[in-house]
Amino acid sequence: MNFLTLINLGDGGPILATQTSSQSYSEKKETYKATQVAAWETITITNALPNSLIWIMIYNPTNNDEYGVRMVGSALDRKWTSLSDNTLTLPVKTNSDKEVQFYTDDPTNTDFDFIAQM
């Protein structure tokens, strides 16, 4: 389980953030492609840990395409519409099989990059 603690020093400066975790942060760079059009598709994130918080960066260079990422089993319709040359980064939790769900209505022009794990 991850805990984020925000500390306000009261001096008008930045808020400090500290993290306590049973898992450590690690950077990744793995690109995945969806194959289904306009449907939530379950994808296995090969090098992710089961039941872990990961960060997915979605890149789409075209206008008006929809894309998103969510936990397997979620009913949340967590997708957005691209505006020219758009990148969106979202956290999502893997399940026990290291799976998440991707959505895009343009698989050819949409990349899903696994960029970090907490």
Protein backbone atom coordinates (compact mmCIF):
# COMPACT_ATOMS: atom_id res chain seq x y z
CA MET A 1 0.00 0.00 0.00
CA ASN A 2 1.26 3.49 -0.87
CA PHE A 3 0.91 6.54 1.36
CA LEU A 4 1.60 10.11 0.28
CA THR A 5 2.15 12.72 2.99
CA LEU A 6 1.91 16.41 2.13
CA ILE A 7 3.73 18.82 4.46
CA ASN A 8 3.00 22.56 4.38
CA LEU A 9 5.83 24.42 6.12
CA GLY A 10 3.69 27.56 6.45
CA ASP A 11 6.35 29.81 4.95
CA GLY A 12 4.61 30.36 1.61
CA GLY A 13 7.07 27.99 -0.05
CA PRO A 14 6.32 24.74 -1.83
CA ILE A 15 4.51 21.88 -0.15
CA LEU A 16 6.83 18.96 0.48
CA ALA A 17 5.65 15.44 -0.40
CA THR A 18 7.01 12.26 1.08
CA GLN A 19 6.05 8.72 0.14
CA THR A 20 6.00 5.60 2.24
CA SER A 21 5.59 2.37 0.34
CA SER A 22 6.10 -1.34 0.58
CA GLN A 23 7.15 -1.17 -3.07
CA SER A 24 9.76 1.16 -4.50
CA TYR A 25 9.41 3.49 -7.47
CA SER A 26 10.92 2.30 -10.73
CA GLU A 27 11.04 3.90 -14.16
CA LYS A 28 9.93 1.91 -17.19
CA LYS A 29 9.60 2.39 -20.94
CA GLU A 30 7.45 -0.20 -22.67
CA THR A 31 5.05 0.60 -25.49
CA TYR A 32 1.78 -1.28 -25.93
CA LYS A 33 -0.80 -1.07 -28.71
CA ALA A 34 -4.51 -1.76 -28.47
CA THR A 35 -6.04 -3.79 -31.29
CA GLN A 36 -9.76 -3.28 -30.72
CA VAL A 37 -11.54 -0.20 -32.06
CA ALA A 38 -13.77 1.79 -29.68
CA ALA A 39 -13.85 -0.92 -27.00
CA TRP A 40 -12.22 -1.46 -23.62
CA GLU A 41 -9.46 -4.06 -24.14
CA THR A 42 -7.66 -5.98 -21.39
CA ILE A 43 -3.87 -5.82 -21.78
CA THR A 44 -1.20 -7.59 -19.72
CA ILE A 45 1.61 -5.24 -18.65
CA THR A 46 4.40 -7.81 -18.82
CA ASN A 47 6.97 -6.25 -16.48
CA ALA A 48 4.55 -4.72 -13.95
CA LEU A 49 4.03 -6.18 -10.52
CA PRO A 50 0.63 -7.68 -9.71
CA ASN A 51 -1.74 -5.35 -7.81
CA SER A 52 0.56 -2.35 -8.22
CA LEU A 53 0.07 1.30 -9.10
CA ILE A 54 1.56 2.05 -12.52
CA TRP A 55 1.65 5.11 -14.76
CA ILE A 56 0.53 4.90 -18.38
CA MET A 57 1.34 7.68 -20.86
CA ILE A 58 -1.03 7.75 -23.83
CA TYR A 59 0.14 9.46 -27.03
CA ASN A 60 -2.05 10.26 -30.02
CA PRO A 61 -1.00 12.74 -32.75
CA THR A 62 -4.44 13.17 -34.34
CA ASN A 63 -7.53 15.27 -33.55
CA ASN A 64 -10.76 14.01 -32.04
CA ASP A 65 -9.68 10.46 -31.20
CA GLU A 66 -10.82 9.00 -27.88
CA TYR A 67 -8.52 7.06 -25.57
CA GLY A 68 -8.24 6.02 -21.94
CA VAL A 69 -6.98 3.56 -19.35
CA ARG A 70 -8.67 1.98 -16.31
CA MET A 71 -8.54 -0.94 -13.87
CA VAL A 72 -9.89 -4.29 -15.06
CA GLY A 73 -13.47 -4.62 -13.82
CA SER A 74 -14.02 -0.87 -13.53
CA ALA A 75 -17.24 0.58 -14.88
CA LEU A 76 -15.68 4.06 -15.01
CA ASP A 77 -15.67 5.44 -18.56
CA ARG A 78 -12.26 7.07 -18.08
CA LYS A 79 -11.48 8.31 -21.59
CA TRP A 80 -10.66 11.65 -23.20
CA THR A 81 -10.74 13.17 -26.67
CA SER A 82 -7.42 14.13 -28.25
CA LEU A 83 -6.60 17.60 -29.45
CA SER A 84 -3.77 17.65 -32.00
CA ASP A 85 -0.53 15.88 -30.96
CA ASN A 86 -1.76 15.05 -27.47
CA THR A 87 -0.17 13.19 -24.53
CA LEU A 88 -2.00 12.16 -21.35
CA THR A 89 -0.45 10.38 -18.34
CA LEU A 90 -2.63 8.52 -15.84
CA PRO A 91 -2.11 6.24 -12.84
CA VAL A 92 -3.89 2.88 -12.89
CA LYS A 93 -3.73 -0.22 -10.69
CA THR A 94 -2.92 -3.61 -12.17
CA ASN A 95 -4.87 -6.67 -11.08
CA SER A 96 -3.37 -9.94 -9.81
CA ASP A 97 -2.63 -10.93 -13.43
CA LYS A 98 -0.83 -7.61 -14.16
CA GLU A 99 -3.68 -6.46 -16.43
CA VAL A 100 -5.27 -3.07 -17.10
CA GLN A 101 -7.75 -1.94 -19.75
CA PHE A 102 -6.99 0.36 -22.69
CA TYR A 103 -9.50 2.20 -24.85
CA THR A 104 -8.98 3.87 -28.21
CA ASP A 105 -11.05 4.47 -31.30
CA ASP A 106 -7.83 4.72 -33.36
CA PRO A 107 -5.40 1.88 -32.47
CA THR A 108 -3.05 2.73 -35.35
CA ASN A 109 -2.30 6.22 -34.01
CA THR A 110 -2.43 5.57 -30.26
CA ASP A 111 0.52 4.40 -28.14
CA PHE A 112 0.19 3.32 -24.52
CA ASP A 113 3.53 3.58 -22.71
CA PHE A 114 4.14 1.95 -19.31
CA ILE A 115 6.48 4.59 -17.83
CA ALA A 116 6.63 4.02 -14.06
CA GLN A 117 5.62 1.77 -11.20
CA MET A 118 5.09 2.58 -7.56
